[in-house]
Protein backbone atom coordinates (compact mmCIF):
# COMPACT_ATOMS: atom_id res chain seq x y z
CA MET A 1 53.48 39.72 18.16
CA ALA A 2 55.91 41.47 15.82
CA VAL A 3 58.35 43.59 17.78
CA VAL A 4 59.80 46.75 16.29
CA GLN A 5 63.59 46.36 16.25
CA THR A 6 64.48 50.04 15.85
CA VAL A 7 66.81 51.17 18.64
CA VAL A 8 65.34 54.22 20.33
CA SER A 9 67.26 56.37 22.81
CA ASN A 10 66.10 56.30 26.41
CA ALA A 11 65.33 60.03 26.41
CA GLU A 12 63.20 59.70 23.26
CA ILE A 13 61.26 56.68 24.50
CA ILE A 14 60.52 58.42 27.81
CA ASP A 15 59.26 61.50 25.95
CA ARG A 16 57.02 59.33 23.76
CA PHE A 17 55.61 57.59 26.82
CA LEU A 18 54.86 60.87 28.62
CA ASP A 19 53.15 62.29 25.53
CA ALA A 20 51.02 59.15 25.28
CA VAL A 21 49.86 59.06 28.91
CA TRP A 22 49.17 62.80 28.81
CA GLN A 23 46.92 62.34 25.78
CA GLU A 24 45.23 59.24 27.21
CA ALA A 25 44.60 60.33 30.79
CA GLY A 26 45.15 64.10 30.87
CA LEU A 27 47.61 63.79 33.74
CA ARG A 28 48.78 66.90 35.57
CA GLU A 29 52.27 68.31 35.12
CA ASN A 30 53.27 67.18 38.63
CA THR A 31 52.42 63.56 37.81
CA LEU A 32 54.24 63.69 34.49
CA SER A 33 57.30 65.17 36.21
CA ALA A 34 57.24 62.37 38.77
CA TYR A 35 57.07 59.77 35.97
CA ARG A 36 59.97 61.43 34.16
CA ASN A 37 62.07 61.53 37.33
CA ASP A 38 61.39 57.87 38.17
CA LEU A 39 62.26 56.72 34.64
CA ALA A 40 65.38 58.89 34.50
CA GLN A 41 66.60 57.38 37.78
CA PHE A 42 66.00 53.84 36.51
CA SER A 43 67.72 54.66 33.20
CA LYS A 44 70.76 56.05 35.02
CA TRP A 45 70.99 52.99 37.30
CA LEU A 46 70.46 50.62 34.36
CA SER A 47 73.36 52.14 32.40
CA ASN A 48 75.79 50.29 34.67
CA ARG A 49 74.34 46.98 33.40
CA GLN A 50 73.27 47.79 29.82
CA PRO A 51 72.35 51.06 28.10
CA TYR A 52 68.78 50.58 26.84
CA LEU A 53 65.44 50.78 28.67
CA LEU A 54 63.94 48.67 25.86
CA LYS A 55 66.22 45.78 26.81
CA ALA A 56 65.61 45.78 30.57
CA SER A 57 64.82 42.37 32.07
CA ARG A 58 62.92 41.19 35.13
CA SER A 59 66.22 40.67 36.92
CA ASP A 60 67.15 44.30 36.14
CA VAL A 61 63.92 45.55 37.73
CA LEU A 62 64.35 43.34 40.80
CA ALA A 63 67.98 44.40 41.23
CA TYR A 64 66.99 48.07 40.91
CA LEU A 65 64.31 47.78 43.59
CA ALA A 66 66.72 45.91 45.87
CA ALA A 67 69.35 48.62 45.38
CA SER A 68 66.75 51.27 46.22
CA VAL A 69 65.94 49.53 49.49
CA LYS A 70 69.65 49.34 50.36
CA ARG A 71 69.89 53.09 49.87
CA GLY A 72 67.11 53.58 52.44
CA ILE A 73 64.24 54.25 50.06
CA SER A 74 60.90 53.59 51.82
CA ALA A 75 58.57 50.79 50.76
CA LYS A 76 56.04 53.40 49.67
CA SER A 77 58.57 55.11 47.38
CA SER A 78 59.71 51.75 45.99
CA ALA A 79 56.09 50.83 45.26
CA ARG A 80 55.61 54.14 43.44
CA ARG A 81 58.73 53.57 41.33
CA LEU A 82 57.55 50.09 40.41
CA SER A 83 54.12 51.49 39.51
CA THR A 84 55.81 53.93 37.12
CA LEU A 85 57.85 51.15 35.52
CA ARG A 86 54.73 48.98 35.16
CA ARG A 87 52.86 51.69 33.30
CA PHE A 88 55.92 52.47 31.16
CA TYR A 89 56.57 48.89 30.09
CA ARG A 90 52.90 48.09 29.51
CA HIS A 91 52.86 51.05 27.15
CA LEU A 92 55.94 49.74 25.34
CA LEU A 93 54.32 46.30 25.07
CA ARG A 94 51.17 47.81 23.50
CA GLU A 95 53.35 49.75 21.07
CA THR A 96 55.15 46.47 20.16
CA LEU A 97 58.50 47.97 21.14
CA ILE A 98 59.13 45.03 23.49
CA ALA A 99 57.96 41.41 23.47
CA VAL A 100 57.94 40.82 27.24
CA ASP A 101 57.00 43.15 30.09
CA PRO A 102 59.89 42.92 32.61
CA THR A 103 57.59 44.08 35.46
CA SER A 104 54.78 41.57 34.88
CA GLU A 105 55.88 39.11 37.58
CA VAL A 106 57.44 41.56 40.02
CA ALA A 107 55.53 41.82 43.29
CA SER A 108 54.88 45.25 44.75
CA PRO A 109 56.64 46.11 48.02
CA VAL A 110 54.38 45.73 51.05
CA THR A 111 53.44 49.16 52.37
CA GLY A 112 51.52 50.14 55.44
CA ARG A 113 48.78 52.65 54.82
CA PRO A 114 49.31 55.56 57.24
CA LEU A 115 46.31 57.17 58.82
CA PRO A 116 45.76 60.73 57.60
CA ILE A 117 46.59 63.49 60.07
CA SER A 118 43.49 65.53 60.83
CA LEU A 119 42.53 68.47 63.03
CA SER A 120 39.80 68.81 65.62
CA GLU A 121 36.93 71.16 64.86
CA ASP A 122 38.23 73.48 67.59
CA ALA A 123 41.69 73.59 65.98
CA VAL A 124 40.17 74.42 62.58
CA THR A 125 38.16 77.23 64.17
CA ARG A 126 41.31 78.67 65.75
CA LEU A 127 43.12 78.48 62.42
CA LEU A 128 40.30 80.26 60.60
CA GLU A 129 40.32 83.12 63.08
CA VAL A 130 44.03 83.96 62.66
CA PRO A 131 44.06 85.96 59.37
CA ASN A 132 43.55 89.69 59.81
CA THR A 133 40.40 90.20 57.78
CA GLY A 134 40.74 93.97 58.12
CA THR A 135 43.35 93.80 55.35
CA ALA A 136 42.88 92.79 51.71
CA LEU A 137 45.37 89.91 51.93
CA GLY A 138 44.03 88.73 55.27
CA LEU A 139 40.50 88.62 53.88
CA ARG A 140 41.78 86.64 50.89
CA ASP A 141 43.57 84.20 53.17
CA ARG A 142 40.48 83.69 55.34
CA ALA A 143 38.36 83.07 52.23
CA MET A 144 40.87 80.54 50.89
CA ILE A 145 41.00 78.56 54.14
CA GLU A 146 37.20 78.68 54.49
CA VAL A 147 36.72 77.37 50.94
CA LEU A 148 39.33 74.66 51.43
CA TYR A 149 37.75 73.42 54.67
CA ALA A 150 34.21 73.69 53.26
CA THR A 151 34.95 71.74 50.07
CA GLY A 152 37.91 69.43 50.74
CA LEU A 153 39.59 70.54 47.52
CA ARG A 154 43.14 69.51 46.75
CA VAL A 155 45.50 72.47 47.06
CA SER A 156 46.15 72.43 43.30
CA GLU A 157 42.39 72.58 42.71
CA LEU A 158 42.02 75.50 45.14
CA VAL A 159 44.78 77.71 43.76
CA GLY A 160 43.76 76.82 40.20
CA LEU A 161 40.11 77.87 40.60
CA ALA A 162 38.81 80.15 37.85
CA LEU A 163 35.94 82.61 38.15
CA SER A 164 34.03 80.65 35.51
CA GLU A 165 34.00 77.62 37.83
CA LEU A 166 32.19 79.45 40.62
CA ASP A 167 28.44 79.79 41.07
CA TYR A 168 28.50 81.82 44.26
CA ARG A 169 25.61 84.19 43.60
CA SER A 170 22.77 81.66 43.48
CA ALA A 171 23.50 77.95 43.81
CA GLY A 172 26.63 78.23 45.95
CA LEU A 173 28.56 75.59 44.01
CA VAL A 174 32.04 75.17 42.60
CA ARG A 175 32.93 73.05 39.57
CA VAL A 176 36.26 71.31 40.03
CA THR A 177 38.44 69.51 37.50
CA GLY A 178 40.39 66.94 39.48
CA LYS A 179 42.80 64.10 38.76
CA GLY A 180 42.50 62.51 35.34
CA GLY A 181 40.41 65.44 34.11
CA ARG A 182 37.38 64.26 36.12
CA GLU A 183 34.88 66.99 36.95
CA ARG A 184 32.82 67.17 40.11
CA ILE A 185 30.42 69.69 41.65
CA VAL A 186 30.99 70.63 45.30
CA PRO A 187 28.72 72.83 47.48
CA LEU A 188 30.47 75.68 49.26
CA GLY A 189 28.33 76.06 52.40
CA GLU A 190 26.99 79.31 53.84
CA GLU A 191 30.04 80.29 55.91
CA ALA A 192 32.50 79.80 53.06
CA LEU A 193 30.13 81.54 50.66
CA ASP A 194 29.91 84.57 52.92
CA TRP A 195 33.69 84.95 53.16
CA LEU A 196 34.14 84.25 49.44
CA ARG A 197 31.62 86.96 48.49
CA ARG A 198 33.31 89.46 50.80
CA TYR A 199 36.70 88.66 49.29
CA LEU A 200 35.46 88.91 45.68
CA SER A 201 33.68 92.22 46.24
CA ASP A 202 36.07 93.99 48.64
CA SER A 203 39.51 92.40 48.66
CA ARG A 204 40.17 90.97 45.19
CA PRO A 205 39.70 94.27 43.29
CA GLU A 206 42.11 95.99 45.70
CA ILE A 207 44.73 93.25 45.31
CA LEU A 208 44.47 93.27 41.51
CA ASP A 209 44.58 97.10 41.33
CA ALA A 210 42.80 97.33 37.97
CA ARG A 211 44.63 94.31 36.50
CA MET A 212 42.63 91.51 34.92
CA SER A 213 42.75 87.86 35.97
CA GLU A 214 40.54 84.80 35.60
CA SER A 215 41.98 83.25 38.78
CA VAL A 216 39.78 83.42 41.87
CA PHE A 217 42.60 83.77 44.40
CA VAL A 218 45.24 86.26 43.29
CA THR A 219 48.45 87.85 44.56
CA ARG A 220 49.73 91.43 44.46
CA ARG A 221 51.37 90.54 41.14
CA GLY A 222 47.99 89.80 39.61
CA ARG A 223 48.70 86.09 39.35
CA SER A 224 47.13 83.06 40.98
CA MET A 225 48.71 81.94 44.23
CA THR A 226 51.13 79.02 43.96
CA ARG A 227 50.77 75.79 45.89
CA GLN A 228 54.04 76.49 47.68
CA ALA A 229 52.95 79.96 48.79
CA PHE A 230 49.65 78.64 50.12
CA TRP A 231 51.44 75.82 51.95
CA GLN A 232 53.72 78.36 53.65
CA MET A 233 50.73 80.52 54.54
CA ILE A 234 48.95 77.58 56.21
CA ARG A 235 52.08 76.68 58.18
CA ARG A 236 52.46 80.29 59.38
CA TYR A 237 48.83 80.62 60.46
CA SER A 238 48.78 77.22 62.18
CA LYS A 239 51.75 78.25 64.34
CA GLN A 240 49.99 81.50 65.23
CA ALA A 241 46.91 79.46 66.17
CA GLY A 242 48.99 77.40 68.58
CA ILE A 243 48.53 74.14 66.66
CA SER A 244 51.44 71.83 67.40
CA ALA A 245 50.76 69.37 64.56
CA ALA A 246 52.46 69.95 61.20
CA VAL A 247 49.52 71.43 59.30
CA THR A 248 49.47 71.38 55.50
CA PRO A 249 46.68 72.17 53.01
CA HIS A 250 46.09 68.42 52.79
CA THR A 251 45.46 68.35 56.54
CA LEU A 252 42.38 70.50 55.99
CA ARG A 253 41.20 68.13 53.25
CA HIS A 254 41.48 65.31 55.79
CA ALA A 255 39.63 67.41 58.38
CA PHE A 256 36.84 68.08 55.87
CA ALA A 257 36.30 64.35 55.28
CA THR A 258 36.66 63.33 58.93
CA HIS A 259 34.27 65.96 60.25
CA LEU A 260 31.67 65.10 57.61
CA LEU A 261 31.73 61.45 58.70
CA ASN A 262 31.62 62.44 62.36
CA HIS A 263 28.44 64.39 61.66
CA GLY A 264 26.70 61.55 59.85
CA ALA A 265 27.67 61.80 56.18
CA ASP A 266 27.81 58.50 54.29
CA LEU A 267 31.04 57.28 52.77
CA ARG A 268 29.80 57.39 49.16
CA SER A 269 28.90 61.08 49.47
CA VAL A 270 32.31 61.89 50.93
CA GLN A 271 33.93 59.94 48.09
CA MET A 272 32.08 62.08 45.52
CA LEU A 273 32.96 65.34 47.28
CA LEU A 274 36.65 64.43 47.52
CA GLY A 275 36.81 63.26 43.92
CA HIS A 276 38.17 59.81 44.74
CA ALA A 277 37.85 57.36 41.86
CA ASP A 278 37.91 54.37 44.23
CA LEU A 279 35.89 54.04 47.44
CA SER A 280 38.80 52.21 49.09
CA THR A 281 40.74 55.48 49.05
CA THR A 282 37.98 57.15 51.04
CA GLN A 283 37.54 54.27 53.49
CA ILE A 284 40.73 55.18 55.33
CA TYR A 285 38.80 58.08 56.88
CA THR A 286 36.59 55.64 58.76
CA HIS A 287 39.61 54.89 60.95
CA VAL A 288 39.90 58.50 62.07
CA ALA A 289 36.20 59.41 62.22
CA ARG A 290 35.76 57.79 65.62
CA ASP A 291 33.81 60.49 67.46
CA ARG A 292 30.55 59.65 65.72
CA LEU A 293 31.08 55.89 66.18
CA ARG A 294 31.59 56.35 69.91
CA SER A 295 28.48 58.50 70.29
CA LEU A 296 26.34 56.08 68.24
CA HIS A 297 27.58 53.15 70.32
CA ALA A 298 26.89 55.00 73.59
CA ARG A 299 23.41 56.02 72.45
CA HIS A 300 22.14 52.80 70.87
CA HIS A 301 24.02 49.82 72.30
CA PRO A 302 22.37 48.22 75.37
CA ARG A 303 25.68 48.34 77.22
CA GLY A 304 26.99 51.49 75.61
CA GLY A 305 28.50 54.35 77.52
CA PRO A 306 30.83 57.30 77.13
CA GLY A 307 33.87 55.25 78.00
CA ILE A 308 33.32 52.42 75.48
CA PRO A 309 36.36 52.21 73.17
CA VAL A 310 36.11 51.69 69.45
CA SER A 311 38.65 49.28 67.97
């Protein structure tokens, strides 16, 4: 393999890499920012040994990961940083900017896979009942939480919904563009549909006050709600509902998946609804969807009973 010998600055090579992965995979801005941050940190650390990312060696990568651990970086964060470096150096190898990938024989840090935090159905009900639906903003908030719980959307997918992606008048479906530009169709359910229709007909026009917007969920400024604002709203309502757990928008996504499995949904269907590319990502929910397993065991096993534990 002929390797290009031109010396390229670290900043320029990072920009080229980000442009390439954006064009190849259509990654979101958050992911690209995370890649840029990881590579900038490695570049800064590497400058104490030698100045060029193109000349990094396996020993450089290992020393960087070891230094990260010494600074208290978690195994999960170290694994993410290594994943970024792997993708970066594989790209450079394909572009013949390097002859050897310095990450090729570096083992990933061992990480435990934490169980997702979920909410009981009763807790979700209490949360849904908190917004004051007698006001325009309260009705919007109730509709947003209902749609999130009914569909399991990621928060970025929820706040980014456009009117053109909704079919709420007849089919009751929403078209979502998820990670990697993958599209999926998700049913809304009757309860969420009812609140969504009420919001679109009564609340949204009042909030917009004659302004135009393609966003489904809007603010008084006529813009779509930000992820941060929705996160703060969920935290505020969860405290008012008396929920002690730290509730985030992702908690409701977990609740959506867990409650579906508890009520008999199969794992493949839940995978499709969540937009997971790999079934193994969805399988973690089988560890928290225990209610249905206990009831099935009690009902069908010859020695089943309400007190039988599920390991």
